[in-house]
Amino acid sequence: MASQLVEELKEKYGVEIHYHKVSEESYVALEVMNFPDGYHNEIVESAIKQLDIMLCYFSKVLVLRLDLRLKSYSQNNKVMSQFGNYMQQKIKKTYGKVAFIWVREQVKADHQHYHIAYFLNGHKIAHPSKLIELLKVMWKKVAYGGSIYVPTNCFYHLYTNQGSCYETFKETVYRLSYLAKCYSKRRVSQSVKNYSSSRLEYMEGS
């Protein structure tokens, strides 16, 4: 079960409290991974916002988390732009509205890798197996032989009409907080982003 995995991750990485502002006067306390070098607040906030907006649009949302690996280093994120543009069109055509967030990381390897999360309309997709295969084919093409790693429990279902939704939301945020760790975010230059996300905005009145 995903919850068991999260408990194991909490033992490994620990827990830090992230306060997410929900109104001018109130915040909600969410758990994120506790990294020695800290985490990027803006990455956590971007992930929360895009997920929350999708939940405003749809009562069912599927969250998919994947790792994108490269065979060679690049100083820019052109491969992500190409991959993102193509996949956005494909996903929208098949599954409708979609949100995403990705991060660029590099630790000991000679080349960077990327983590990405998609937030999809759960009424249109119940299981991500077909989408993952499509993503693998496209990534291999644009990344010249790159590969996709599928983590354990790589997806979550969030149903707003179920009492367990908030607990699943909190687990999802904890898993996504792995993308925000500071120590792996090398900046090639100030002009090269180490993360990007979709720009969905809340519906008027939500």
Protein backbone atom coordinates (compact mmCIF):
# COMPACT_ATOMS: atom_id res chain seq x y z
CA MET A 1 0.00 0.00 0.00
CA ALA A 2 1.12 3.55 -0.71
CA SER A 3 0.64 4.54 2.94
CA GLN A 4 3.10 1.85 4.02
CA LEU A 5 5.64 3.22 1.54
CA VAL A 6 5.15 6.73 2.89
CA GLU A 7 5.79 5.46 6.42
CA GLU A 8 9.02 3.87 5.18
CA LEU A 9 10.01 7.12 3.46
CA LYS A 10 9.33 9.04 6.67
CA GLU A 11 11.71 6.74 8.51
CA LYS A 12 14.34 7.37 5.83
CA TYR A 13 13.95 11.11 5.24
CA GLY A 14 12.10 12.32 8.30
CA VAL A 15 9.32 14.92 8.41
CA GLU A 16 9.24 18.69 8.30
CA ILE A 17 6.08 20.79 8.53
CA HIS A 18 5.25 22.99 5.55
CA TYR A 19 2.63 25.67 6.15
CA HIS A 20 0.52 26.23 3.06
CA LYS A 21 -1.55 29.40 2.98
CA VAL A 22 -5.21 28.74 2.14
CA SER A 23 -6.62 32.20 2.87
CA GLU A 24 -5.54 35.59 4.15
CA GLU A 25 -5.88 34.39 7.71
CA SER A 26 -5.37 30.63 7.68
CA TYR A 27 -2.74 28.03 6.86
CA VAL A 28 -2.79 24.26 6.65
CA ALA A 29 0.10 22.20 8.03
CA LEU A 30 1.40 19.61 5.57
CA GLU A 31 4.25 17.14 5.95
CA VAL A 32 7.26 17.27 3.62
CA MET A 33 10.57 15.41 3.60
CA ASN A 34 13.22 16.76 5.94
CA PHE A 35 16.46 17.22 4.00
CA PRO A 36 19.70 18.39 5.70
CA ASP A 37 20.12 21.15 3.11
CA GLY A 38 16.47 22.09 3.17
CA TYR A 39 13.93 22.30 0.36
CA HIS A 40 12.76 24.84 -2.19
CA ASN A 41 9.53 26.33 -0.87
CA GLU A 42 8.44 27.51 -4.32
CA ILE A 43 8.62 23.98 -5.75
CA VAL A 44 6.41 22.56 -2.99
CA GLU A 45 3.98 25.46 -3.40
CA SER A 46 3.83 25.03 -7.19
CA ALA A 47 3.06 21.32 -6.81
CA ILE A 48 0.37 21.96 -4.19
CA LYS A 49 -1.25 24.70 -6.25
CA GLN A 50 -1.42 22.71 -9.50
CA LEU A 51 -2.78 19.65 -7.70
CA ASP A 52 -5.33 21.69 -5.75
CA ILE A 53 -6.54 23.44 -8.92
CA MET A 54 -7.05 20.10 -10.67
CA LEU A 55 -9.10 18.97 -7.67
CA CYS A 56 -11.23 22.10 -8.10
CA TYR A 57 -11.90 21.12 -11.71
CA PHE A 58 -12.37 17.38 -11.21
CA SER A 59 -13.67 15.24 -8.35
CA LYS A 60 -11.20 12.53 -9.38
CA VAL A 61 -7.53 13.27 -10.03
CA LEU A 62 -4.74 10.84 -10.84
CA VAL A 63 -1.20 11.85 -9.86
CA LEU A 64 1.67 10.16 -11.71
CA ARG A 65 5.33 10.47 -10.63
CA LEU A 66 8.24 9.41 -12.88
CA ASP A 67 12.02 9.84 -13.26
CA LEU A 68 13.48 10.84 -16.63
CA ARG A 69 17.04 9.75 -17.30
CA LEU A 70 19.51 11.02 -19.91
CA LYS A 71 22.58 9.51 -21.52
CA SER A 72 24.44 12.80 -21.90
CA TYR A 73 24.67 16.22 -20.26
CA SER A 74 23.14 19.41 -21.63
CA GLN A 75 23.50 22.97 -20.37
CA ASN A 76 19.86 23.75 -21.13
CA ASN A 77 16.47 22.09 -20.74
CA LYS A 78 15.65 21.89 -24.43
CA VAL A 79 14.90 18.18 -24.13
CA MET A 80 12.22 18.94 -21.54
CA SER A 81 10.70 21.63 -23.74
CA GLN A 82 10.46 19.24 -26.68
CA PHE A 83 9.16 16.40 -24.55
CA GLY A 84 6.71 18.64 -22.71
CA ASN A 85 5.25 20.28 -25.81
CA TYR A 86 4.64 16.95 -27.50
CA MET A 87 3.24 15.20 -24.45
CA GLN A 88 1.00 18.10 -23.49
CA GLN A 89 -0.70 17.83 -26.88
CA LYS A 90 -0.99 14.04 -26.67
CA ILE A 91 -2.29 14.03 -23.11
CA LYS A 92 -4.83 16.80 -23.71
CA LYS A 93 -6.13 15.03 -26.79
CA THR A 94 -6.69 11.76 -24.88
CA TYR A 95 -7.27 12.78 -21.27
CA GLY A 96 -8.21 16.45 -21.37
CA LYS A 97 -6.90 19.07 -18.95
CA VAL A 98 -3.56 18.26 -17.37
CA ALA A 99 -1.13 19.92 -14.95
CA PHE A 100 2.50 19.05 -14.27
CA ILE A 101 5.70 19.92 -12.45
CA TRP A 102 9.26 18.86 -13.23
CA VAL A 103 12.66 19.46 -11.66
CA ARG A 104 16.19 19.22 -12.98
CA GLU A 105 18.74 17.49 -10.73
CA GLN A 106 22.37 16.49 -10.80
CA VAL A 107 24.38 15.00 -7.94
CA LYS A 108 27.35 12.71 -8.66
CA ALA A 109 26.56 11.76 -12.26
CA ASP A 110 28.13 13.57 -15.20
CA HIS A 111 24.71 14.45 -16.59
CA GLN A 112 21.45 15.71 -15.18
CA HIS A 113 18.20 13.83 -14.71
CA TYR A 114 14.63 15.00 -14.23
CA HIS A 115 11.71 14.14 -11.97
CA ILE A 116 8.23 14.85 -13.25
CA ALA A 117 4.70 14.61 -11.88
CA TYR A 118 1.50 14.79 -13.90
CA PHE A 119 -1.93 15.65 -12.49
CA LEU A 120 -4.68 14.21 -14.69
CA ASN A 121 -8.47 14.06 -14.92
CA GLY A 122 -9.27 10.85 -13.03
CA HIS A 123 -12.57 10.53 -14.88
CA LYS A 124 -10.60 9.96 -18.09
CA ILE A 125 -7.75 7.78 -16.77
CA ALA A 126 -8.06 5.07 -14.13
CA HIS A 127 -4.61 3.51 -14.51
CA PRO A 128 -1.49 5.12 -16.05
CA SER A 129 0.03 2.02 -17.72
CA LYS A 130 -0.78 3.07 -21.31
CA LEU A 131 0.32 6.64 -20.63
CA ILE A 132 3.60 5.45 -19.11
CA GLU A 133 4.36 3.39 -22.22
CA LEU A 134 3.66 6.41 -24.41
CA LEU A 135 5.89 8.57 -22.23
CA LYS A 136 8.70 6.00 -22.44
CA VAL A 137 8.57 5.90 -26.23
CA MET A 138 8.55 9.68 -26.57
CA TRP A 139 11.28 10.28 -23.99
CA LYS A 140 13.56 7.72 -25.65
CA LYS A 141 13.03 9.55 -28.93
CA VAL A 142 13.63 13.14 -27.78
CA ALA A 143 16.36 12.19 -25.27
CA TYR A 144 18.27 10.10 -27.82
CA GLY A 145 18.06 6.82 -25.95
CA GLY A 146 17.17 8.17 -22.54
CA SER A 147 15.00 6.05 -20.27
CA ILE A 148 12.17 6.45 -17.79
CA TYR A 149 12.30 4.92 -14.32
CA VAL A 150 8.95 4.09 -12.74
CA PRO A 151 9.13 4.42 -8.92
CA THR A 152 7.32 2.12 -6.51
CA ASN A 153 3.70 3.21 -6.10
CA CYS A 154 4.15 5.75 -8.87
CA PHE A 155 0.55 6.99 -8.88
CA TYR A 156 -2.22 8.12 -6.54
CA HIS A 157 -5.98 8.47 -6.93
CA LEU A 158 -7.59 11.42 -5.18
CA TYR A 159 -11.41 11.46 -4.93
CA THR A 160 -12.87 14.61 -3.43
CA ASN A 161 -16.15 12.85 -2.59
CA GLN A 162 -14.40 10.31 -0.36
CA GLY A 163 -13.51 10.88 3.27
CA SER A 164 -9.97 9.64 2.69
CA CYS A 165 -9.19 12.34 0.10
CA TYR A 166 -7.38 14.67 2.48
CA GLU A 167 -5.17 11.88 3.81
CA THR A 168 -4.29 10.88 0.26
CA PHE A 169 -3.65 14.54 -0.57
CA LYS A 170 -1.20 14.79 2.35
CA GLU A 171 0.57 11.58 1.30
CA THR A 172 0.83 12.85 -2.25
CA VAL A 173 2.32 16.16 -1.12
CA TYR A 174 4.86 14.29 1.01
CA ARG A 175 5.89 12.16 -1.98
CA LEU A 176 6.08 15.21 -4.25
CA SER A 177 8.25 17.08 -1.75
CA TYR A 178 11.14 14.83 -2.82
CA LEU A 179 11.29 16.98 -5.95
CA ALA A 180 11.99 20.07 -3.86
CA LYS A 181 15.25 19.00 -2.15
CA CYS A 182 17.99 21.62 -2.42
CA TYR A 183 21.20 19.60 -2.53
CA SER A 184 20.63 18.21 -6.04
CA LYS A 185 19.59 21.44 -7.74
CA ARG A 186 22.74 22.65 -9.46
CA ARG A 187 22.26 25.82 -11.45
CA VAL A 188 24.12 25.84 -14.76
CA SER A 189 23.42 29.57 -14.91
CA GLN A 190 20.76 31.98 -13.71
CA SER A 191 19.05 31.62 -17.08
CA VAL A 192 18.60 27.84 -16.77
CA LYS A 193 15.62 26.76 -14.70
CA ASN A 194 15.91 23.95 -12.20
CA TYR A 195 12.14 23.44 -12.24
CA SER A 196 9.02 24.31 -14.18
CA SER A 197 5.31 23.72 -13.78
CA SER A 198 2.03 24.22 -15.59
CA ARG A 199 0.29 27.53 -14.98
CA LEU A 200 -3.28 26.56 -14.24
CA GLU A 201 -5.19 29.15 -12.25
CA TYR A 202 -8.16 28.76 -9.95
CA MET A 203 -11.60 29.08 -11.49
CA GLU A 204 -13.29 32.36 -10.74
CA GLY A 205 -15.14 32.08 -7.46
CA SER A 206 -13.30 28.93 -6.30
